[in-house]
Amino acid sequence: MLLMIGSVAAYGQTYDSGDKELDTQLKTINTEAKKDLEQFKTDVSKKYSTTIDKIEALINLGMQAADIIMAHEVSAIVLRPVDDVVACYEKNKGKGWGVIAKEMGIKPGSAEFHQLKGNCKNKSNNGKSKGKGKKS
C-alpha cells in the first residue's frame, strides 16, 4: 500500500498537453488526489465503472491521478478500451498527453480535445468528481 501511495504522491510531474490551462488542471487533479487517495480511487471507480484493483494497477504502472483520469476520459471520447489508452500512454508518456491524445485520434483544437479539456477542468474545480453534474 505504501508503494502505491508513494507512486501517486510523486507529484512533481510536468504535463505537456499542448494547452497550458489543461496542464495546470492536471497538476490540480494530482494535488487534490494526494489529499485523499482512497476517495480518489472510489470516485474514479464510480465515475468510470472500473474496479479499485484496476485503478491500483494503473498506479503501480507509475500513473499519477491525472494520468488515470486522462486515460479514462480519452477512452470514453474515442470509444476504445482504457487498456488501449494505457498502452499508448506507456509508449508515449515522455511526449505528453497532447501526443497521446493525438495518437488516439483526438486532434488539437478539435471538439473532442475541448471536451477532454472541459471534463478535466470539471474534475480539478472541485477535486472530486462526485456530485457534480449528475442528476437522478
Protein backbone atom coordinates (compact mmCIF):
# COMPACT_ATOMS: atom_id res chain seq x y z
CA MET A 1 0.00 0.00 0.00
CA LEU A 2 2.79 2.45 0.82
CA LEU A 3 4.37 1.78 -2.56
CA MET A 4 1.15 2.78 -4.30
CA ILE A 5 0.82 5.95 -2.25
CA GLY A 6 4.44 6.78 -2.99
CA SER A 7 3.86 6.34 -6.69
CA VAL A 8 0.90 8.69 -6.72
CA ALA A 9 2.48 11.08 -4.23
CA ALA A 10 5.35 11.97 -6.55
CA TYR A 11 3.51 14.95 -7.94
CA GLY A 12 6.38 16.85 -9.45
CA GLN A 13 5.40 15.74 -12.94
CA THR A 14 5.09 18.36 -15.58
CA TYR A 15 2.46 17.93 -18.25
CA ASP A 16 2.75 18.80 -21.90
CA SER A 17 -0.70 18.50 -23.40
CA GLY A 18 -0.13 21.44 -25.72
CA ASP A 19 -2.54 23.52 -23.61
CA LYS A 20 -1.23 25.40 -20.56
CA GLU A 21 -4.66 25.58 -18.90
CA LEU A 22 -5.13 21.83 -19.20
CA ASP A 23 -1.62 21.23 -17.86
CA THR A 24 -2.49 23.34 -14.80
CA GLN A 25 -5.74 21.41 -14.34
CA LEU A 26 -3.87 18.10 -14.44
CA LYS A 27 -1.50 19.30 -11.72
CA THR A 28 -4.53 20.35 -9.63
CA ILE A 29 -6.08 16.89 -10.03
CA ASN A 30 -2.84 15.35 -8.69
CA THR A 31 -2.75 17.73 -5.74
CA GLU A 32 -6.36 17.02 -4.83
CA ALA A 33 -5.95 13.24 -5.18
CA LYS A 34 -2.89 13.34 -2.93
CA LYS A 35 -5.06 14.76 -0.13
CA ASP A 36 -7.29 11.66 -0.10
CA LEU A 37 -6.09 8.83 -2.33
CA GLU A 38 -8.76 6.39 -1.14
CA GLN A 39 -11.54 8.84 -2.01
CA PHE A 40 -9.91 9.49 -5.39
CA LYS A 41 -9.90 5.75 -6.15
CA THR A 42 -13.53 5.44 -5.06
CA ASP A 43 -14.59 8.43 -7.18
CA VAL A 44 -12.76 7.15 -10.26
CA SER A 45 -14.18 3.68 -9.77
CA LYS A 46 -17.73 5.02 -9.67
CA LYS A 47 -17.33 7.61 -12.43
CA TYR A 48 -15.74 5.26 -14.94
CA SER A 49 -17.33 1.96 -13.85
CA THR A 50 -13.99 0.37 -13.11
CA THR A 51 -12.60 -1.50 -10.15
CA ILE A 52 -10.37 -0.25 -7.36
CA ASP A 53 -7.99 -3.09 -8.30
CA LYS A 54 -7.74 -1.72 -11.86
CA ILE A 55 -7.01 1.78 -10.53
CA GLU A 56 -4.36 0.40 -8.20
CA ALA A 57 -2.81 -1.49 -11.13
CA LEU A 58 -2.57 1.80 -13.04
CA ILE A 59 -0.95 3.44 -10.00
CA ASN A 60 1.53 0.56 -9.85
CA LEU A 61 2.40 1.26 -13.50
CA GLY A 62 3.51 4.70 -12.33
CA MET A 63 0.45 6.62 -13.46
CA GLN A 64 -0.48 9.63 -11.38
CA ALA A 65 -4.05 10.63 -10.60
CA ALA A 66 -4.31 13.00 -13.57
CA ASP A 67 -2.93 10.33 -15.89
CA ILE A 68 -5.59 7.90 -14.71
CA ILE A 69 -8.32 10.49 -15.30
CA MET A 70 -6.91 11.37 -18.73
CA ALA A 71 -6.70 7.71 -19.75
CA HIS A 72 -10.35 7.17 -18.82
CA GLU A 73 -11.50 10.40 -20.46
CA VAL A 74 -9.63 9.65 -23.69
CA SER A 75 -11.06 6.12 -23.62
CA ALA A 76 -14.60 7.47 -23.32
CA ILE A 77 -14.12 10.01 -26.11
CA VAL A 78 -12.51 7.67 -28.64
CA LEU A 79 -14.71 4.72 -27.63
CA ARG A 80 -11.78 2.38 -27.07
CA PRO A 81 -10.87 0.33 -24.00
CA VAL A 82 -8.85 2.13 -21.35
CA ASP A 83 -6.19 -0.57 -21.74
CA ASP A 84 -5.60 0.69 -25.33
CA VAL A 85 -5.10 4.22 -24.00
CA VAL A 86 -2.78 2.97 -21.24
CA ALA A 87 -0.70 1.11 -23.85
CA CYS A 88 -0.41 4.32 -25.86
CA TYR A 89 0.47 6.20 -22.64
CA GLU A 90 3.22 3.69 -21.83
CA LYS A 91 4.66 4.07 -25.33
CA ASN A 92 4.44 7.89 -25.40
CA LYS A 93 4.37 9.13 -21.79
CA GLY A 94 7.57 11.11 -22.17
CA LYS A 95 5.95 13.05 -25.02
CA GLY A 96 2.92 14.29 -23.05
CA TRP A 97 -0.83 13.89 -23.19
CA GLY A 98 -1.13 16.05 -26.30
CA VAL A 99 0.78 13.44 -28.28
CA ILE A 100 -1.09 10.58 -26.61
CA ALA A 101 -4.47 12.16 -27.38
CA LYS A 102 -3.39 12.77 -30.97
CA GLU A 103 -2.19 9.16 -31.30
CA MET A 104 -5.62 8.06 -30.07
CA GLY A 105 -7.37 10.20 -32.70
CA ILE A 106 -8.09 13.43 -30.79
CA LYS A 107 -6.80 16.34 -32.82
CA PRO A 108 -5.55 19.51 -31.09
CA GLY A 109 -8.26 22.18 -31.07
CA SER A 110 -10.98 19.70 -32.09
CA ALA A 111 -14.35 19.39 -30.38
CA GLU A 112 -13.06 16.18 -28.78
CA PHE A 113 -9.99 17.98 -27.40
CA HIS A 114 -12.20 20.72 -25.94
CA GLN A 115 -14.42 18.01 -24.42
CA LEU A 116 -11.37 16.36 -22.87
CA LYS A 117 -10.16 19.68 -21.51
CA GLY A 118 -13.61 20.57 -20.14
CA ASN A 119 -14.01 17.19 -18.46
CA CYS A 120 -10.65 17.58 -16.72
CA LYS A 121 -11.48 21.14 -15.71
CA ASN A 122 -14.66 19.91 -14.03
CA LYS A 123 -12.59 17.45 -12.01
CA SER A 124 -9.96 19.99 -11.00
CA ASN A 125 -12.52 22.58 -9.92
CA ASN A 126 -13.76 20.53 -7.02
CA GLY A 127 -11.02 17.95 -6.60
CA LYS A 128 -13.52 15.13 -6.78
CA SER A 129 -15.98 14.22 -9.47
CA LYS A 130 -18.77 13.01 -7.23
CA GLY A 131 -21.92 15.07 -7.05
CA LYS A 132 -21.02 17.34 -9.96
CA GLY A 133 -23.29 17.45 -12.94
CA LYS A 134 -25.22 14.29 -12.17
CA LYS A 135 -28.93 14.28 -11.55
CA SER A 136 -31.01 11.23 -10.91
